[in-house]
N, C-alpha and C. Protein backbone atom coordinates (compact mmCIF):
# COMPACT_ATOMS: atom_id res chain seq x y z
N PRO A 1 75.50 32.57 126.23
CA PRO A 1 77.07 32.78 125.72
C PRO A 1 77.52 31.47 124.58
N HIS A 2 78.13 32.38 123.94
CA HIS A 2 79.22 31.36 123.01
C HIS A 2 80.85 31.69 123.15
N ASP A 3 81.27 30.63 123.10
CA ASP A 3 82.86 31.02 123.22
C ASP A 3 83.52 31.74 122.44
N ASN A 4 82.77 32.12 121.07
CA ASN A 4 83.04 33.03 120.19
C ASN A 4 82.74 34.37 120.51
N VAL A 5 81.89 34.50 121.34
CA VAL A 5 81.79 36.01 121.51
C VAL A 5 82.17 36.36 123.14
N VAL A 6 82.76 37.76 122.55
CA VAL A 6 83.60 38.56 123.86
C VAL A 6 83.04 39.70 123.80
N ILE A 7 82.84 40.00 124.89
CA ILE A 7 81.87 41.72 124.93
C ILE A 7 82.98 42.74 125.36
N SER A 8 83.05 43.73 125.15
CA SER A 8 84.48 44.15 125.48
C SER A 8 83.89 46.22 125.42
N TRP A 9 84.57 46.57 126.53
CA TRP A 9 84.58 48.11 126.81
C TRP A 9 85.89 48.61 126.55
N THR A 10 85.48 50.08 126.27
CA THR A 10 86.61 50.93 126.11
C THR A 10 86.94 51.46 127.82
N MET A 11 87.98 51.89 128.25
CA MET A 11 88.33 51.84 129.52
C MET A 11 89.48 53.17 129.80
N ASN A 12 89.55 53.83 130.54
CA ASN A 12 90.32 55.10 130.70
C ASN A 12 90.11 55.30 132.29
N THR A 13 91.20 56.16 132.80
CA THR A 13 91.04 56.76 134.43
C THR A 13 89.72 57.69 134.61
N PHE A 14 89.13 57.55 135.72
CA PHE A 14 88.07 58.16 136.03
C PHE A 14 88.02 59.77 135.85
N ASN A 15 89.13 60.12 135.79
CA ASN A 15 89.07 61.81 135.52
C ASN A 15 89.51 62.17 134.20
N VAL A 16 90.01 60.99 133.29
CA VAL A 16 89.89 61.73 131.59
C VAL A 16 88.63 60.88 131.08
N SER A 17 87.76 60.13 131.70
CA SER A 17 86.60 59.86 131.42
C SER A 17 85.21 60.60 131.40
N GLU A 18 85.71 61.47 132.73
CA GLU A 18 84.52 62.52 133.00
C GLU A 18 85.06 63.78 132.25
N LYS A 19 86.32 63.87 131.94
CA LYS A 19 86.86 65.19 131.15
C LYS A 19 86.26 65.07 129.72
N TYR A 20 86.46 64.25 129.32
CA TYR A 20 86.84 63.64 127.88
C TYR A 20 85.57 62.95 127.08
N GLU A 21 85.01 61.94 127.86
CA GLU A 21 84.14 61.09 127.10
C GLU A 21 82.64 61.57 127.65
N LYS A 22 82.20 62.59 127.35
CA LYS A 22 80.96 63.30 127.87
C LYS A 22 79.87 62.48 127.10
N GLY A 23 78.79 62.05 127.50
CA GLY A 23 77.70 61.58 127.36
C GLY A 23 78.11 59.85 127.12
N GLY A 24 79.25 59.15 127.77
CA GLY A 24 79.67 58.00 127.56
C GLY A 24 79.35 57.70 128.87
N ALA A 25 79.06 56.30 128.81
CA ALA A 25 78.82 55.76 130.25
C ALA A 25 80.12 56.02 131.18
N CYS A 26 80.01 55.88 132.54
CA CYS A 26 81.06 56.32 133.38
C CYS A 26 81.61 55.15 133.80
N MET A 27 82.81 54.96 134.16
CA MET A 27 83.75 53.99 134.55
C MET A 27 83.04 53.15 134.95
N ASN A 28 82.66 53.05 136.20
CA ASN A 28 81.89 52.47 137.32
C ASN A 28 80.63 51.54 136.71
N ASP A 29 80.09 52.37 135.85
CA ASP A 29 78.88 51.69 134.62
C ASP A 29 79.71 50.46 133.94
N ARG A 30 80.87 50.72 133.49
CA ARG A 30 81.17 50.21 132.74
C ARG A 30 81.83 48.52 133.06
N ILE A 31 82.21 48.84 134.47
CA ILE A 31 82.79 47.76 135.00
C ILE A 31 81.87 46.96 135.74
N ASN A 32 80.89 47.40 135.88
CA ASN A 32 79.23 46.71 136.53
C ASN A 32 78.79 46.19 135.33
N ALA A 33 79.04 46.68 134.16
CA ALA A 33 78.51 46.09 133.19
C ALA A 33 79.33 44.48 132.07
N ALA A 34 80.29 44.86 132.74
CA ALA A 34 81.43 43.74 132.29
C ALA A 34 81.36 42.76 133.35
N ARG A 35 80.66 43.15 134.90
CA ARG A 35 80.93 41.81 135.39
C ARG A 35 79.78 41.21 135.41
N SER A 36 78.34 41.55 135.21
CA SER A 36 77.35 41.36 134.35
C SER A 36 77.11 40.36 133.67
N ALA A 37 77.95 40.75 132.61
CA ALA A 37 78.28 39.84 130.97
C ALA A 37 79.30 38.46 131.59
N ALA A 38 80.38 38.95 132.33
CA ALA A 38 81.36 37.80 132.76
C ALA A 38 80.32 36.77 133.72
N MET A 39 79.58 37.33 134.82
CA MET A 39 78.43 36.35 135.55
C MET A 39 77.76 35.42 134.78
N ALA A 40 77.02 36.37 133.53
CA ALA A 40 76.31 35.57 132.25
C ALA A 40 77.29 34.24 131.45
N GLY A 41 78.21 34.49 131.97
CA GLY A 41 79.26 33.31 130.94
C GLY A 41 79.72 34.05 129.90
N TYR A 42 79.91 34.95 129.54
CA TYR A 42 80.07 35.95 128.51
C TYR A 42 81.81 36.06 128.76
N GLY A 43 82.76 35.74 127.33
CA GLY A 43 84.02 36.40 127.80
C GLY A 43 84.41 37.79 127.72
N ILE A 44 84.92 38.37 128.13
CA ILE A 44 85.27 39.74 128.27
C ILE A 44 86.02 40.26 127.94
N GLY A 45 86.55 41.23 127.41
CA GLY A 45 87.64 42.25 126.80
C GLY A 45 87.64 43.53 127.11
N PHE A 46 88.77 44.32 127.44
CA PHE A 46 89.12 45.86 127.56
C PHE A 46 90.05 46.39 127.08
N HIS A 47 89.65 47.74 126.48
CA HIS A 47 90.54 48.44 125.36
C HIS A 47 90.75 49.68 126.37
N PHE A 48 92.37 49.68 126.55
CA PHE A 48 92.80 50.91 127.28
C PHE A 48 93.57 51.87 126.14
N ASP A 49 92.69 52.54 125.61
CA ASP A 49 93.10 53.25 124.65
C ASP A 49 92.15 54.41 124.25
N PRO A 50 92.49 55.81 124.29
CA PRO A 50 93.52 55.96 124.35
C PRO A 50 94.50 56.30 125.79
N ILE A 51 95.66 55.67 125.95
CA ILE A 51 96.40 56.26 127.57
C ILE A 51 96.69 57.34 127.21
N ILE A 52 96.51 58.04 127.99
CA ILE A 52 97.26 59.53 127.96
C ILE A 52 97.68 60.17 128.84
N TYR A 53 98.56 60.50 128.57
CA TYR A 53 100.15 61.05 129.32
C TYR A 53 99.68 62.32 130.26
N TYR A 54 99.75 62.13 131.06
CA TYR A 54 99.42 63.52 132.42
C TYR A 54 99.91 63.57 133.60
N ARG A 55 99.80 64.51 134.32
CA ARG A 55 100.50 64.63 135.49
C ARG A 55 99.40 63.38 136.35
N ASN A 56 99.89 62.47 136.77
CA ASN A 56 99.08 61.84 138.53
C ASN A 56 98.77 60.48 137.23
N TRP A 57 99.44 60.15 136.00
CA TRP A 57 98.85 59.10 134.84
C TRP A 57 99.10 57.91 135.49
N GLU A 58 100.05 57.54 136.09
CA GLU A 58 100.70 56.32 136.47
C GLU A 58 99.59 56.13 137.72
N LYS A 59 99.40 56.91 138.82
CA LYS A 59 98.65 56.40 139.81
C LYS A 59 97.30 56.32 139.35
N GLU A 60 96.76 57.01 138.61
CA GLU A 60 95.10 56.91 138.14
C GLU A 60 94.99 55.81 137.49
N TYR A 61 95.70 55.58 136.25
CA TYR A 61 95.91 54.17 135.43
C TYR A 61 96.10 52.93 136.42
N GLU A 62 97.19 53.23 137.14
CA GLU A 62 97.12 51.87 137.92
C GLU A 62 96.01 51.22 138.75
N GLU A 63 95.32 52.83 139.65
CA GLU A 63 94.12 52.44 139.83
C GLU A 63 92.43 51.82 139.37
N ILE A 64 92.24 52.56 138.04
CA ILE A 64 91.41 51.69 137.00
C ILE A 64 91.68 50.19 137.10
N VAL A 65 93.16 50.23 136.67
CA VAL A 65 93.49 47.88 136.25
C VAL A 65 92.79 47.45 137.95
N ASN A 66 93.51 48.32 138.85
CA ASN A 66 93.08 47.65 140.13
C ASN A 66 91.95 47.25 140.58
N LYS A 67 90.96 48.09 140.21
CA LYS A 67 89.50 48.52 140.35
C LYS A 67 88.95 47.26 139.62
N ILE A 68 89.35 47.19 138.39
CA ILE A 68 88.69 46.15 137.59
C ILE A 68 89.06 45.08 137.70
N PHE A 69 90.39 44.71 137.88
CA PHE A 69 90.89 43.05 138.03
C PHE A 69 91.13 42.72 139.44
N SER A 70 90.68 43.66 140.38
CA SER A 70 90.35 42.94 141.68
C SER A 70 89.32 42.24 141.90
N ASP A 71 88.16 42.13 140.64
CA ASP A 71 86.91 41.51 140.54
C ASP A 71 87.39 40.23 140.37
N SER A 72 87.57 39.20 141.07
CA SER A 72 87.70 37.96 140.28
C SER A 72 87.00 37.08 139.15
N ILE A 73 86.01 37.77 139.14
CA ILE A 73 85.04 37.22 137.92
C ILE A 73 85.11 37.88 136.82
N ILE A 74 85.51 38.77 136.97
CA ILE A 74 85.82 39.81 135.83
C ILE A 74 87.30 39.20 135.00
N ASN A 75 88.08 39.50 136.16
CA ASN A 75 89.61 38.70 136.11
C ASN A 75 89.42 37.14 135.18
N SER A 76 88.94 36.56 135.96
CA SER A 76 88.72 35.06 135.16
C SER A 76 88.16 35.16 133.75
N LYS A 77 87.38 35.90 133.59
CA LYS A 77 86.29 36.16 132.60
C LYS A 77 87.10 36.77 131.27
N THR A 78 88.43 37.49 131.62
CA THR A 78 88.49 38.51 130.34
C THR A 78 89.76 37.61 129.84
N ARG A 79 89.35 37.85 128.28
CA ARG A 79 90.23 36.97 127.68
C ARG A 79 91.21 37.66 126.73
N TRP A 80 90.90 39.02 126.54
CA TRP A 80 91.78 40.26 126.29
C TRP A 80 91.97 41.51 126.60
N ILE A 81 93.23 42.17 126.52
CA ILE A 81 93.26 43.74 127.16
C ILE A 81 93.89 44.41 126.14
N SER A 82 93.81 45.22 124.95
CA SER A 82 94.24 46.09 124.15
C SER A 82 94.78 47.32 124.71
N LEU A 83 95.81 47.70 124.50
CA LEU A 83 96.41 48.86 124.98
C LEU A 83 97.26 49.95 123.86
N GLY A 84 96.43 51.27 123.50
CA GLY A 84 96.98 51.86 123.12
C GLY A 84 97.30 53.28 123.25
N THR A 85 98.00 54.35 122.99
CA THR A 85 98.32 55.59 123.61
C THR A 85 97.53 56.31 122.63
N LEU A 86 97.89 57.50 123.18
CA LEU A 86 97.25 58.51 122.65
C LEU A 86 97.81 59.05 120.98
N ARG A 87 97.14 58.76 120.08
CA ARG A 87 97.78 59.10 118.57
C ARG A 87 96.62 59.69 117.83
N TYR A 88 96.76 60.57 116.72
CA TYR A 88 95.98 61.54 116.03
C TYR A 88 96.47 61.62 114.79
N SER A 89 95.77 61.97 113.71
CA SER A 89 96.07 62.48 112.40
C SER A 89 96.09 63.83 112.21
N PRO A 90 96.80 64.38 111.48
CA PRO A 90 96.83 65.89 111.70
C PRO A 90 95.08 66.33 111.18
N GLY A 91 95.01 67.70 112.12
CA GLY A 91 93.47 68.21 111.88
C GLY A 91 92.89 67.35 112.98
N PHE A 92 92.67 66.50 113.64
CA PHE A 92 92.26 65.96 115.11
C PHE A 92 92.56 67.04 116.12
N LYS A 93 93.67 67.50 116.70
CA LYS A 93 93.87 68.32 117.69
C LYS A 93 93.01 69.63 117.18
N GLN A 94 92.81 70.17 116.29
CA GLN A 94 91.88 71.36 116.13
C GLN A 94 90.41 71.08 116.53
N VAL A 95 90.07 69.82 116.16
CA VAL A 95 88.63 69.42 116.27
C VAL A 95 88.54 69.58 117.65
N VAL A 96 89.30 68.57 118.75
CA VAL A 96 89.49 68.38 120.03
C VAL A 96 89.38 70.18 120.80
N GLU A 97 89.89 71.02 120.04
CA GLU A 97 90.04 72.07 120.62
C GLU A 97 88.91 73.03 120.76
N ARG A 98 88.28 72.73 119.48
CA ARG A 98 86.98 73.37 118.96
C ARG A 98 86.15 73.21 120.51
N ARG A 99 85.95 71.49 120.45
CA ARG A 99 84.77 71.25 121.19
C ARG A 99 85.36 70.98 122.58
N PHE A 100 86.50 71.12 123.29
CA PHE A 100 86.70 71.33 124.83
C PHE A 100 87.89 72.43 125.19
N ALA A 101 87.16 73.33 125.28
CA ALA A 101 87.87 74.52 125.54
C ALA A 101 89.10 74.39 126.67
N ASP A 102 89.00 73.05 127.83
CA ASP A 102 89.78 73.00 128.77
C ASP A 102 90.36 71.80 128.28
N ASN A 103 90.75 71.51 127.29
CA ASN A 103 91.65 70.27 126.82
C ASN A 103 93.09 70.54 127.39
N ASN A 104 93.47 69.42 127.98
CA ASN A 104 95.16 69.36 128.27
C ASN A 104 95.90 68.24 127.70
N MET A 105 94.99 67.38 126.84
CA MET A 105 95.54 66.39 126.18
C MET A 105 96.62 66.25 125.30
N PHE A 106 96.84 67.49 124.56
CA PHE A 106 97.81 67.36 123.67
C PHE A 106 98.85 68.51 124.30
N TYR A 107 99.12 68.40 125.61
CA TYR A 107 100.17 69.95 125.86
C TYR A 107 100.89 69.30 127.19
N GLU A 108 100.49 67.86 127.60
CA GLU A 108 101.39 67.20 128.87
C GLU A 108 102.30 66.54 128.20
N GLY A 109 102.54 66.32 127.25
CA GLY A 109 103.61 65.30 126.37
C GLY A 109 103.92 65.85 125.19
N GLU A 110 105.25 65.52 124.57
CA GLU A 110 105.60 65.84 123.14
C GLU A 110 105.10 64.75 122.23
N PHE A 111 104.63 65.13 121.05
CA PHE A 111 104.21 64.45 120.06
C PHE A 111 104.58 64.60 118.94
N PHE A 112 105.31 63.67 117.99
CA PHE A 112 106.26 63.21 116.93
C PHE A 112 105.34 62.85 115.86
N VAL A 113 105.55 63.12 114.54
CA VAL A 113 105.41 62.45 113.61
C VAL A 113 105.49 61.03 112.98
N ASP A 114 105.35 59.78 113.33
CA ASP A 114 105.62 58.66 113.13
C ASP A 114 105.47 57.67 111.87
N THR A 115 105.97 57.04 111.70
CA THR A 115 106.07 56.17 110.31
C THR A 115 104.91 56.24 109.56
N ASP A 116 103.79 55.69 110.73
CA ASP A 116 102.33 55.79 110.16
C ASP A 116 101.50 56.79 109.33
N GLY A 117 102.63 58.24 109.84
CA GLY A 117 101.99 59.52 109.52
C GLY A 117 100.60 60.33 111.00
N LYS A 118 100.64 59.58 111.54
CA LYS A 118 99.85 60.09 113.13
C LYS A 118 100.90 60.70 113.59
N LEU A 119 100.58 61.45 114.52
CA LEU A 119 101.30 62.16 115.84
C LEU A 119 101.19 61.25 116.78
N ARG A 120 102.67 61.10 117.73
CA ARG A 120 102.23 60.15 118.98
C ARG A 120 103.37 60.59 119.63
N TYR A 121 103.18 59.81 120.76
CA TYR A 121 104.18 60.29 121.99
C TYR A 121 105.55 59.48 121.28
N PRO A 122 106.73 59.84 121.98
CA PRO A 122 108.16 59.17 121.36
C PRO A 122 107.86 58.09 121.79
N ARG A 123 108.63 56.89 120.82
CA ARG A 123 108.48 55.19 121.21
C ARG A 123 109.06 55.34 122.42
N GLU A 124 110.12 55.53 123.09
CA GLU A 124 110.67 55.19 124.28
C GLU A 124 109.53 55.69 125.17
N GLN A 125 108.78 56.90 125.20
CA GLN A 125 107.35 56.95 125.93
C GLN A 125 106.30 56.22 126.04
N ARG A 126 106.21 55.81 124.97
CA ARG A 126 105.02 54.54 124.38
C ARG A 126 105.57 53.35 125.44
N THR A 127 106.63 52.91 125.17
CA THR A 127 107.60 51.67 125.55
C THR A 127 107.09 51.87 127.10
N MET A 128 107.54 53.02 128.00
CA MET A 128 107.28 53.08 129.38
C MET A 128 106.06 52.80 129.90
N MET A 129 105.46 53.67 128.76
CA MET A 129 103.72 53.66 129.39
C MET A 129 102.95 51.94 129.27
N TYR A 130 103.47 51.30 128.24
CA TYR A 130 102.76 49.74 128.00
C TYR A 130 103.60 49.22 128.90
N ASN A 131 105.10 49.30 129.26
CA ASN A 131 105.39 48.76 130.32
C ASN A 131 104.87 48.56 131.53
N ASN A 132 104.67 49.74 132.15
CA ASN A 132 103.81 50.04 133.60
C ASN A 132 102.18 49.38 133.63
N MET A 133 101.39 49.50 132.59
CA MET A 133 100.49 49.01 132.35
C MET A 133 100.18 47.81 132.37
N ILE A 134 101.54 46.77 131.72
CA ILE A 134 101.51 45.64 131.75
C ILE A 134 101.81 44.93 132.93
N ARG A 135 102.52 45.74 133.94
CA ARG A 135 103.05 45.35 135.05
C ARG A 135 101.74 45.63 135.80
N TRP A 136 100.90 46.49 135.68
CA TRP A 136 100.15 46.68 136.55
C TRP A 136 98.96 45.36 136.39
N ILE A 137 98.74 45.42 135.05
CA ILE A 137 97.45 44.05 134.71
C ILE A 137 98.02 42.71 135.19
N ARG A 138 99.70 42.59 135.04
CA ARG A 138 99.71 41.17 135.11
C ARG A 138 100.21 40.87 136.72
N ASN A 139 100.05 41.93 137.58
CA ASN A 139 99.93 41.98 139.35
C ASN A 139 98.70 41.89 139.66
N THR A 140 97.71 42.26 138.71
CA THR A 140 96.54 41.22 139.26
C THR A 140 96.32 39.59 139.42
N GLY A 141 96.96 39.04 138.71
CA GLY A 141 96.69 37.50 138.21
C GLY A 141 96.30 37.19 136.74
N THR A 142 95.67 37.99 136.31
CA THR A 142 94.92 37.85 135.29
C THR A 142 95.85 37.05 133.97
N LYS A 143 95.21 36.41 133.64
CA LYS A 143 95.87 35.57 132.22
C LYS A 143 95.38 36.04 131.31
N ALA A 144 94.76 36.93 130.64
CA ALA A 144 94.06 37.75 129.67
C ALA A 144 95.32 38.06 128.96
N TRP A 145 95.03 37.64 127.13
CA TRP A 145 96.17 38.12 126.59
C TRP A 145 96.23 39.68 126.22
N ILE A 146 97.28 40.33 126.19
CA ILE A 146 97.52 41.65 126.26
C ILE A 146 97.94 42.21 124.63
N TYR A 147 97.42 42.81 124.61
CA TYR A 147 98.08 43.35 122.87
C TYR A 147 98.12 44.88 122.70
N LEU A 148 99.04 44.94 122.00
CA LEU A 148 99.16 46.70 121.52
C LEU A 148 98.59 46.95 120.17
N CYS A 149 97.83 47.83 120.67
CA CYS A 149 96.35 48.61 119.21
C CYS A 149 97.48 49.34 118.64
N MET A 150 97.52 48.99 117.24
CA MET A 150 98.07 49.79 116.03
C MET A 150 99.63 50.56 116.49
N GLU A 151 100.37 49.55 117.12
CA GLU A 151 101.98 49.75 116.95
C GLU A 151 102.47 48.99 116.10
N PRO A 152 103.69 49.27 116.22
CA PRO A 152 104.58 48.36 114.90
C PRO A 152 105.31 47.22 115.92
N LEU A 153 105.49 46.18 115.12
CA LEU A 153 106.35 44.71 115.71
C LEU A 153 107.33 45.57 116.89
N GLU A 154 108.05 46.38 116.00
CA GLU A 154 109.35 46.77 116.84
C GLU A 154 109.23 47.31 118.23
N LEU A 155 108.04 47.74 118.45
CA LEU A 155 107.62 48.50 119.55
C LEU A 155 107.21 47.62 120.36
N TRP A 156 106.33 46.39 119.88
CA TRP A 156 105.99 45.38 120.95
C TRP A 156 107.16 44.49 120.98
N GLN A 157 108.09 44.58 120.48
CA GLN A 157 109.17 43.38 120.96
C GLN A 157 109.87 44.24 121.93
N LYS A 158 110.18 46.06 121.89
CA LYS A 158 110.42 46.33 123.48
C LYS A 158 110.07 46.76 124.89
N THR A 159 108.68 45.76 124.55
CA THR A 159 107.86 45.92 125.40
C THR A 159 108.12 44.69 126.33
N ASP A 160 107.71 44.71 127.81
CA ASP A 160 107.74 43.49 128.59
C ASP A 160 106.52 42.06 127.87
N LEU A 161 105.77 42.28 127.01
CA LEU A 161 105.26 41.21 126.20
C LEU A 161 106.12 40.14 125.80
N SER A 162 105.46 38.95 125.80
CA SER A 162 106.00 38.02 125.65
C SER A 162 106.04 37.76 124.34
N GLU A 163 107.17 36.92 123.65
CA GLU A 163 107.00 36.92 122.15
C GLU A 163 105.64 36.20 121.70
N SER A 164 105.16 35.07 122.25
CA SER A 164 103.90 34.49 122.13
C SER A 164 102.38 35.68 122.22
N ASP A 165 103.00 36.49 122.96
CA ASP A 165 101.95 37.79 122.71
C ASP A 165 101.90 38.31 121.20
N TYR A 166 103.13 38.85 120.89
CA TYR A 166 103.05 39.39 119.88
C TYR A 166 103.19 38.83 118.96
N SER A 167 103.48 37.73 118.75
CA SER A 167 103.64 36.50 117.68
C SER A 167 102.16 36.53 116.93
N TYR A 168 101.02 37.17 117.52
CA TYR A 168 100.04 37.27 116.81
C TYR A 168 99.89 38.49 116.21
N HIS A 169 100.59 39.22 116.25
CA HIS A 169 100.57 40.61 115.53
C HIS A 169 100.78 40.56 113.90
């Protein structure tokens, strides 16, 4: 391992992964791979993206955060964690609906066109979702850098991230 090598995984709740990530590695396999990489001396990272709003989302995201970062080896070797909520370009919803007949991801929250032309949850809702994730992650004791993926600086500044976190923006 080299200091400039970080191996990362996209993470989600067990339910979201099972429903929408057909053919992808299950969450437990990703966690085990992260642990193996950390034990071999590599820095690791995690992408919680997309974070999807649905009934029980808080309970399930807190559960996966605790499962990942309760492992002291993973916790100590995690360099960064990116957070991003569900967002999509016009036309993407129709593609998903054709592929997943039992799709609910676009119907348990409202989406609005944001300044980048993508449909997103309202900024207040995204801020709340990010603040919950930040709190759950920080409660595990990890010192990893947390950042927001594809969000404007104004939204970073409304979250519980420190100024040093969003100064990289």
